[in-house]
Amino acid sequence: MPGFLANHDAIRAKGIDTIACISVNDPFVMGAWAKNQGTGDKVMMLADGNCEFTEAMGLTLDASRNGLGKRSQRYAMVVEDGTIKALYVEKPGAFDVSSAEAVLKGL
């Protein structure tokens, strides 16, 4: 999140209209996270509480052994007119290809 906030203007300058964060959490958690991070109108926070979007994308992660149930893999996506133009999916435990800086380089 911090990278997308810090790079908001540069990302928007590349023609991106909306930066959104989707997570397998409820809207209340997403609202609290937005408040904590100070996202304001820079990042749209989207709740995927039932994991439906994540499942439809084929990006679920089974974290049951840690008591977390179905979660989402870490990824970043560039969508243009409803079509996925780029999808950057992280390997488990990594944070390289989906960072704001990496996405910005790919734009």
Protein backbone atom coordinates (compact mmCIF):
# COMPACT_ATOMS: atom_id res chain seq x y z
CA MET A 1 0.00 0.00 0.00
CA PRO A 2 2.65 2.59 0.90
CA GLY A 3 4.29 2.27 -2.52
CA PHE A 4 1.03 2.88 -4.36
CA LEU A 5 0.33 5.91 -2.22
CA ALA A 6 3.84 7.29 -2.70
CA ASN A 7 3.72 6.68 -6.47
CA HIS A 8 0.09 7.70 -6.96
CA ASP A 9 0.84 10.77 -9.09
CA ALA A 10 3.41 8.97 -11.26
CA ILE A 11 1.03 6.06 -11.85
CA ARG A 12 -1.82 8.41 -12.74
CA ALA A 13 0.53 10.30 -15.09
CA LYS A 14 0.94 7.03 -17.04
CA GLY A 15 -2.79 7.05 -17.78
CA ILE A 16 -4.11 4.93 -14.94
CA ASP A 17 -7.50 6.28 -13.82
CA THR A 18 -8.03 4.23 -10.66
CA ILE A 19 -5.74 2.49 -8.22
CA ALA A 20 -7.66 -0.14 -6.28
CA CYS A 21 -6.76 -2.59 -3.55
CA ILE A 22 -8.82 -5.76 -3.26
CA SER A 23 -8.47 -8.09 -0.32
CA VAL A 24 -10.25 -11.13 1.10
CA ASN A 25 -11.58 -9.11 4.03
CA ASP A 26 -14.89 -7.55 4.98
CA PRO A 27 -15.73 -3.90 4.21
CA PHE A 28 -15.15 -2.89 7.83
CA VAL A 29 -11.57 -4.20 7.81
CA MET A 30 -10.96 -2.52 4.46
CA GLY A 31 -12.34 0.76 5.81
CA ALA A 32 -10.12 0.57 8.89
CA TRP A 33 -7.09 -0.26 6.72
CA ALA A 34 -7.86 2.70 4.44
CA LYS A 35 -8.12 5.00 7.45
CA ASN A 36 -4.89 3.65 8.96
CA GLN A 37 -2.99 4.09 5.69
CA GLY A 38 -4.54 7.44 4.81
CA THR A 39 -5.60 6.32 1.35
CA GLY A 40 -8.18 9.08 0.97
CA ASP A 41 -9.30 9.16 -2.66
CA LYS A 42 -5.95 7.85 -3.94
CA VAL A 43 -6.68 4.12 -3.52
CA MET A 44 -10.12 2.53 -3.78
CA MET A 45 -10.42 -0.19 -1.14
CA LEU A 46 -12.47 -3.20 -2.27
CA ALA A 47 -13.64 -6.04 -0.02
CA ASP A 48 -13.79 -9.57 -1.43
CA GLY A 49 -15.22 -10.98 1.79
CA ASN A 50 -16.46 -14.24 0.31
CA CYS A 51 -13.36 -14.68 -1.88
CA GLU A 52 -15.59 -14.79 -4.98
CA PHE A 53 -13.54 -12.44 -7.17
CA THR A 54 -10.30 -14.07 -6.08
CA GLU A 55 -11.65 -17.53 -6.86
CA ALA A 56 -12.94 -16.39 -10.26
CA MET A 57 -9.46 -15.06 -11.03
CA GLY A 58 -7.86 -18.36 -9.98
CA LEU A 59 -5.72 -16.51 -7.43
CA THR A 60 -6.73 -18.18 -4.18
CA LEU A 61 -4.22 -19.26 -1.58
CA ASP A 62 -5.07 -21.94 0.96
CA ALA A 63 -3.83 -20.67 4.32
CA SER A 64 -5.92 -23.14 6.33
CA ARG A 65 -2.89 -24.67 8.02
CA ASN A 66 -2.30 -21.26 9.62
CA GLY A 67 -5.96 -20.87 10.58
CA LEU A 68 -6.60 -18.24 7.90
CA GLY A 69 -8.73 -20.21 5.42
CA LYS A 70 -8.92 -19.09 1.80
CA ARG A 71 -6.92 -15.97 1.09
CA SER A 72 -5.65 -14.20 -2.02
CA GLN A 73 -2.25 -14.47 -3.57
CA ARG A 74 -0.37 -11.17 -3.77
CA TYR A 75 -0.69 -9.66 -7.23
CA ALA A 76 -1.07 -6.45 -9.21
CA MET A 77 -3.17 -6.09 -12.30
CA VAL A 78 -3.51 -3.47 -15.03
CA VAL A 79 -6.99 -3.39 -16.56
CA GLU A 80 -8.00 -1.35 -19.58
CA ASP A 81 -11.65 -1.12 -20.63
CA GLY A 82 -12.46 -4.33 -18.72
CA THR A 83 -9.59 -6.32 -20.23
CA ILE A 84 -6.60 -7.46 -18.19
CA LYS A 85 -3.53 -6.00 -19.90
CA ALA A 86 -0.97 -7.18 -17.34
CA LEU A 87 -1.06 -9.50 -14.34
CA TYR A 88 1.89 -9.63 -11.94
CA VAL A 89 1.51 -12.59 -9.55
CA GLU A 90 4.02 -12.99 -6.74
CA LYS A 91 5.64 -16.26 -5.76
CA PRO A 92 4.68 -17.25 -2.19
CA GLY A 93 6.43 -15.02 0.33
CA ALA A 94 7.84 -12.67 -2.34
CA PHE A 95 7.17 -9.00 -2.94
CA ASP A 96 8.89 -8.10 -6.18
CA VAL A 97 6.68 -8.08 -9.27
CA SER A 98 3.53 -6.59 -7.71
CA SER A 99 5.11 -3.60 -6.01
CA ALA A 100 4.08 -0.13 -7.13
CA GLU A 101 7.59 0.49 -8.39
CA ALA A 102 7.58 -2.70 -10.51
CA VAL A 103 4.11 -1.94 -11.92
CA LEU A 104 5.16 1.61 -12.70
CA LYS A 105 8.15 0.34 -14.70
CA GLY A 106 5.80 -1.89 -16.71
CA LEU A 107 3.43 0.91 -17.65
